[in-house]
């Protein structure tokens, strides 16, 4: 799961993670708000996303 640090809805992702029957990852993009990941590419943690997809989509 990916959430942004300054989103008012961040707690939804944190709640889902806490209630999941198995361990899931939650990546928090720092210094971003709800709409930043639509147009501020420098805030998207591409390295972490690449690492996740490379590991899990073999």
PDB file of N, CA and C in Angstrom:
ATOM      1  N   UNK A   1       0.835  -1.157   0.000  1.00  0.00           N
ATOM      2  CA  UNK A   1       0.000   0.000   0.000  1.00  0.00           C
ATOM      3  C   UNK A   1       0.889   1.232   0.000  1.00  0.00           C
ATOM      4  N   UNK A   2       0.388   2.271  -0.647  1.00  0.00           N
ATOM      5  CA  UNK A   2       1.109   3.540  -0.688  1.00  0.00           C
ATOM      6  C   UNK A   2       0.189   4.631  -0.166  1.00  0.00           C
ATOM      7  N   UNK A   3       0.711   5.429   0.719  1.00  0.00           N
ATOM      8  CA  UNK A   3      -0.014   6.583   1.243  1.00  0.00           C
ATOM      9  C   UNK A   3       0.950   7.761   1.262  1.00  0.00           C
ATOM     10  N   UNK A   4       0.403   8.924   1.449  1.00  0.00           N
ATOM     11  CA  UNK A   4       1.259  10.109   1.539  1.00  0.00           C
ATOM     12  C   UNK A   4       1.199  10.662   2.948  1.00  0.00           C
ATOM     13  N   UNK A   5       2.300  11.249   3.361  1.00  0.00           N
ATOM     14  CA  UNK A   5       2.451  11.680   4.752  1.00  0.00           C
ATOM     15  C   UNK A   5       1.398  12.679   5.192  1.00  0.00           C
ATOM     16  N   UNK A   6       1.051  13.613   4.330  1.00  0.00           N
ATOM     17  CA  UNK A   6       0.165  14.700   4.743  1.00  0.00           C
ATOM     18  C   UNK A   6      -1.280  14.553   4.266  1.00  0.00           C
ATOM     19  N   UNK A   7      -1.676  13.359   3.864  1.00  0.00           N
ATOM     20  CA  UNK A   7      -3.057  13.149   3.423  1.00  0.00           C
ATOM     21  C   UNK A   7      -3.982  13.023   4.621  1.00  0.00           C
ATOM     22  N   UNK A   8      -5.126  13.674   4.516  1.00  0.00           N
ATOM     23  CA  UNK A   8      -6.088  13.553   5.610  1.00  0.00           C
ATOM     24  C   UNK A   8      -6.632  12.130   5.716  1.00  0.00           C
ATOM     25  N   UNK A   9      -6.516  11.353   4.647  1.00  0.00           N
ATOM     26  CA  UNK A   9      -7.026   9.978   4.635  1.00  0.00           C
ATOM     27  C   UNK A   9      -5.956   8.932   4.941  1.00  0.00           C
ATOM     28  N   UNK A  10      -4.779   9.351   5.350  1.00  0.00           N
ATOM     29  CA  UNK A  10      -3.678   8.420   5.626  1.00  0.00           C
ATOM     30  C   UNK A  10      -4.082   7.349   6.635  1.00  0.00           C
ATOM     31  N   UNK A  11      -4.890   7.732   7.597  1.00  0.00           N
ATOM     32  CA  UNK A  11      -5.269   6.765   8.630  1.00  0.00           C
ATOM     33  C   UNK A  11      -6.040   5.578   8.068  1.00  0.00           C
ATOM     34  N   UNK A  12      -6.727   5.745   6.915  1.00  0.00           N
ATOM     35  CA  UNK A  12      -7.411   4.598   6.305  1.00  0.00           C
ATOM     36  C   UNK A  12      -6.395   3.502   5.969  1.00  0.00           C
ATOM     37  N   UNK A  13      -5.301   3.889   5.362  1.00  0.00           N
ATOM     38  CA  UNK A  13      -4.264   2.915   5.005  1.00  0.00           C
ATOM     39  C   UNK A  13      -3.645   2.295   6.243  1.00  0.00           C
ATOM     40  N   UNK A  14      -3.423   3.102   7.260  1.00  0.00           N
ATOM     41  CA  UNK A  14      -2.855   2.578   8.500  1.00  0.00           C
ATOM     42  C   UNK A  14      -3.821   1.620   9.192  1.00  0.00           C
ATOM     43  N   UNK A  15      -5.117   1.911   9.148  1.00  0.00           N
ATOM     44  CA  UNK A  15      -6.118   1.017   9.736  1.00  0.00           C
ATOM     45  C   UNK A  15      -6.189  -0.313   8.991  1.00  0.00           C
ATOM     46  N   UNK A  16      -6.165  -0.253   7.660  1.00  0.00           N
ATOM     47  CA  UNK A  16      -6.205  -1.487   6.868  1.00  0.00           C
ATOM     48  C   UNK A  16      -4.990  -2.341   7.168  1.00  0.00           C
ATOM     49  N   UNK A  17      -3.836  -1.715   7.233  1.00  0.00           N
ATOM     50  CA  UNK A  17      -2.608  -2.453   7.543  1.00  0.00           C
ATOM     51  C   UNK A  17      -2.720  -3.140   8.900  1.00  0.00           C
ATOM     52  N   UNK A  18      -3.253  -2.444   9.883  1.00  0.00           N
ATOM     53  CA  UNK A  18      -3.375  -2.998  11.229  1.00  0.00           C
ATOM     54  C   UNK A  18      -4.376  -4.149  11.285  1.00  0.00           C
ATOM     55  N   UNK A  19      -5.398  -4.111  10.434  1.00  0.00           N
ATOM     56  CA  UNK A  19      -6.449  -5.143  10.464  1.00  0.00           C
ATOM     57  C   UNK A  19      -6.193  -6.311   9.522  1.00  0.00           C
ATOM     58  N   UNK A  20      -5.194  -6.199   8.663  1.00  0.00           N
ATOM     59  CA  UNK A  20      -4.924  -7.255   7.686  1.00  0.00           C
ATOM     60  C   UNK A  20      -4.569  -8.559   8.405  1.00  0.00           C
ATOM     61  N   UNK A  21      -5.070  -9.685   7.894  1.00  0.00           N
ATOM     62  CA  UNK A  21      -4.790 -10.971   8.534  1.00  0.00           C
ATOM     63  C   UNK A  21      -3.347 -11.443   8.323  1.00  0.00           C
ATOM     64  N   UNK A  22      -2.602 -10.756   7.510  1.00  0.00           N
ATOM     65  CA  UNK A  22      -1.203 -11.078   7.261  1.00  0.00           C
ATOM     66  C   UNK A  22      -0.441  -9.763   7.147  1.00  0.00           C
ATOM     67  N   UNK A  23       0.840  -9.829   7.175  1.00  0.00           N
ATOM     68  CA  UNK A  23       1.657  -8.624   7.123  1.00  0.00           C
ATOM     69  C   UNK A  23       1.629  -8.016   5.724  1.00  0.00           C
ATOM     70  N   UNK A  24       1.317  -6.755   5.665  1.00  0.00           N
ATOM     71  CA  UNK A  24       1.376  -6.031   4.395  1.00  0.00           C
ATOM     72  C   UNK A  24       2.248  -4.800   4.594  1.00  0.00           C
ATOM     73  N   UNK A  25       2.838  -4.374   3.527  1.00  0.00           N
ATOM     74  CA  UNK A  25       3.689  -3.197   3.599  1.00  0.00           C
ATOM     75  C   UNK A  25       2.889  -1.917   3.409  1.00  0.00           C
ATOM     76  N   UNK A  26       3.351  -0.876   4.038  1.00  0.00           N
ATOM     77  CA  UNK A  26       2.762   0.443   3.871  1.00  0.00           C
ATOM     78  C   UNK A  26       3.903   1.419   3.622  1.00  0.00           C
ATOM     79  N   UNK A  27       3.935   1.964   2.438  1.00  0.00           N
ATOM     80  CA  UNK A  27       4.963   2.919   2.056  1.00  0.00           C
ATOM     81  C   UNK A  27       4.371   4.320   2.185  1.00  0.00           C
ATOM     82  N   UNK A  28       4.984   5.138   3.004  1.00  0.00           N
ATOM     83  CA  UNK A  28       4.534   6.505   3.200  1.00  0.00           C
ATOM     84  C   UNK A  28       5.451   7.434   2.406  1.00  0.00           C
ATOM     85  N   UNK A  29       4.880   8.146   1.450  1.00  0.00           N
ATOM     86  CA  UNK A  29       5.649   9.126   0.689  1.00  0.00           C
ATOM     87  C   UNK A  29       5.752  10.397   1.530  1.00  0.00           C
ATOM     88  N   UNK A  30       6.950  10.759   1.951  1.00  0.00           N
ATOM     89  CA  UNK A  30       7.109  11.917   2.834  1.00  0.00           C
ATOM     90  C   UNK A  30       6.854  13.241   2.116  1.00  0.00           C
ATOM     91  N   UNK A  31       6.465  14.210   2.880  1.00  0.00           N
ATOM     92  CA  UNK A  31       6.294  15.592   2.402  1.00  0.00           C
ATOM     93  C   UNK A  31       5.348  15.707   1.212  1.00  0.00           C
ATOM     94  N   UNK A  32       4.328  14.892   1.194  1.00  0.00           N
ATOM     95  CA  UNK A  32       3.357  14.949   0.101  1.00  0.00           C
ATOM     96  C   UNK A  32       1.952  14.996   0.682  1.00  0.00           C
ATOM     97  N   UNK A  33       1.032  15.578  -0.101  1.00  0.00           N
ATOM     98  CA  UNK A  33      -0.356  15.558   0.331  1.00  0.00           C
ATOM     99  C   UNK A  33      -1.188  14.742  -0.656  1.00  0.00           C
ATOM    100  N   UNK A  34      -2.474  14.807  -0.498  1.00  0.00           N
ATOM    101  CA  UNK A  34      -3.392  13.922  -1.218  1.00  0.00           C
ATOM    102  C   UNK A  34      -3.211  13.921  -2.739  1.00  0.00           C
ATOM    103  N   UNK A  35      -3.002  15.040  -3.357  1.00  0.00           N
ATOM    104  CA  UNK A  35      -2.935  15.082  -4.815  1.00  0.00           C
ATOM    105  C   UNK A  35      -1.516  15.196  -5.379  1.00  0.00           C
ATOM    106  N   UNK A  36      -0.521  15.321  -4.539  1.00  0.00           N
ATOM    107  CA  UNK A  36       0.846  15.506  -5.026  1.00  0.00           C
ATOM    108  C   UNK A  36       1.338  14.386  -5.930  1.00  0.00           C
ATOM    109  N   UNK A  37       0.959  13.161  -5.687  1.00  0.00           N
ATOM    110  CA  UNK A  37       1.485  12.058  -6.487  1.00  0.00           C
ATOM    111  C   UNK A  37       0.902  12.023  -7.893  1.00  0.00           C
ATOM    112  N   UNK A  38      -0.075  12.864  -8.162  1.00  0.00           N
ATOM    113  CA  UNK A  38      -0.611  12.966  -9.525  1.00  0.00           C
ATOM    114  C   UNK A  38       0.291  13.795 -10.436  1.00  0.00           C
ATOM    115  N   UNK A  39       0.986  14.780  -9.878  1.00  0.00           N
ATOM    116  CA  UNK A  39       1.718  15.694 -10.742  1.00  0.00           C
ATOM    117  C   UNK A  39       3.110  16.066 -10.248  1.00  0.00           C
ATOM    118  N   UNK A  40       3.498  15.627  -9.074  1.00  0.00           N
ATOM    119  CA  UNK A  40       4.846  15.954  -8.565  1.00  0.00           C
ATOM    120  C   UNK A  40       5.682  14.678  -8.522  1.00  0.00           C
ATOM    121  N   UNK A  41       6.190  14.315  -9.679  1.00  0.00           N
ATOM    122  CA  UNK A  41       6.913  13.049  -9.829  1.00  0.00           C
ATOM    123  C   UNK A  41       8.101  12.920  -8.893  1.00  0.00           C
ATOM    124  N   UNK A  42       8.709  14.034  -8.501  1.00  0.00           N
ATOM    125  CA  UNK A  42       9.875  13.964  -7.615  1.00  0.00           C
ATOM    126  C   UNK A  42       9.515  13.444  -6.226  1.00  0.00           C
ATOM    127  N   UNK A  43       8.227  13.431  -5.877  1.00  0.00           N
ATOM    128  CA  UNK A  43       7.799  12.926  -4.572  1.00  0.00           C
ATOM    129  C   UNK A  43       7.439  11.444  -4.583  1.00  0.00           C
ATOM    130  N   UNK A  44       7.338  10.868  -5.770  1.00  0.00           N
ATOM    131  CA  UNK A  44       6.973   9.454  -5.886  1.00  0.00           C
ATOM    132  C   UNK A  44       8.203   8.603  -5.581  1.00  0.00           C
ATOM    133  N   UNK A  45       8.099   7.687  -4.637  1.00  0.00           N
ATOM    134  CA  UNK A  45       9.250   6.845  -4.264  1.00  0.00           C
ATOM    135  C   UNK A  45       9.458   5.703  -5.269  1.00  0.00           C
ATOM    136  N   UNK A  46       9.867   6.060  -6.487  1.00  0.00           N
ATOM    137  CA  UNK A  46      10.021   5.067  -7.557  1.00  0.00           C
ATOM    138  C   UNK A  46      10.989   3.958  -7.184  1.00  0.00           C
ATOM    139  N   UNK A  47      12.039   4.270  -6.448  1.00  0.00           N
ATOM    140  CA  UNK A  47      13.010   3.239  -6.083  1.00  0.00           C
ATOM    141  C   UNK A  47      12.371   2.158  -5.221  1.00  0.00           C
ATOM    142  N   UNK A  48      11.534   2.555  -4.272  1.00  0.00           N
ATOM    143  CA  UNK A  48      10.863   1.576  -3.401  1.00  0.00           C
ATOM    144  C   UNK A  48       9.815   0.787  -4.180  1.00  0.00           C
ATOM    145  N   UNK A  49       9.102   1.446  -5.076  1.00  0.00           N
ATOM    146  CA  UNK A  49       8.110   0.750  -5.899  1.00  0.00           C
ATOM    147  C   UNK A  49       8.780  -0.244  -6.831  1.00  0.00           C
ATOM    148  N   UNK A  50       9.895   0.158  -7.437  1.00  0.00           N
ATOM    149  CA  UNK A  50      10.639  -0.733  -8.320  1.00  0.00           C
ATOM    150  C   UNK A  50      11.138  -1.955  -7.554  1.00  0.00           C
ATOM    151  N   UNK A  51      11.660  -1.718  -6.363  1.00  0.00           N
ATOM    152  CA  UNK A  51      12.144  -2.816  -5.526  1.00  0.00           C
ATOM    153  C   UNK A  51      11.017  -3.802  -5.215  1.00  0.00           C
ATOM    154  N   UNK A  52       9.848  -3.284  -4.848  1.00  0.00           N
ATOM    155  CA  UNK A  52       8.711  -4.143  -4.520  1.00  0.00           C
ATOM    156  C   UNK A  52       8.273  -4.969  -5.728  1.00  0.00           C
ATOM    157  N   UNK A  53       8.074  -4.310  -6.872  1.00  0.00           N
ATOM    158  CA  UNK A  53       7.585  -5.023  -8.052  1.00  0.00           C
ATOM    159  C   UNK A  53       8.611  -6.007  -8.590  1.00  0.00           C
ATOM    160  N   UNK A  54       9.878  -5.656  -8.536  1.00  0.00           N
ATOM    161  CA  UNK A  54      10.926  -6.560  -8.986  1.00  0.00           C
ATOM    162  C   UNK A  54      10.947  -7.822  -8.120  1.00  0.00           C
ATOM    163  N   UNK A  55      10.767  -7.658  -6.848  1.00  0.00           N
ATOM    164  CA  UNK A  55      10.795  -8.792  -5.914  1.00  0.00           C
ATOM    165  C   UNK A  55       9.544  -9.656  -6.019  1.00  0.00           C
ATOM    166  N   UNK A  56       8.389  -9.044  -6.201  1.00  0.00           N
ATOM    167  CA  UNK A  56       7.124  -9.765  -6.087  1.00  0.00           C
ATOM    168  C   UNK A  56       6.443 -10.127  -7.400  1.00  0.00           C
ATOM    169  N   UNK A  57       6.915  -9.605  -8.502  1.00  0.00           N
ATOM    170  CA  UNK A  57       6.296  -9.940  -9.789  1.00  0.00           C
ATOM    171  C   UNK A  57       7.274 -10.673 -10.690  1.00  0.00           C
ATOM    172  N   UNK A  58       7.903 -11.674 -10.136  1.00  0.00           N
ATOM    173  CA  UNK A  58       8.895 -12.452 -10.887  1.00  0.00           C
ATOM    174  C   UNK A  58       8.187 -13.476 -11.735  1.00  0.00           C
TER     175      UNK A  58
END
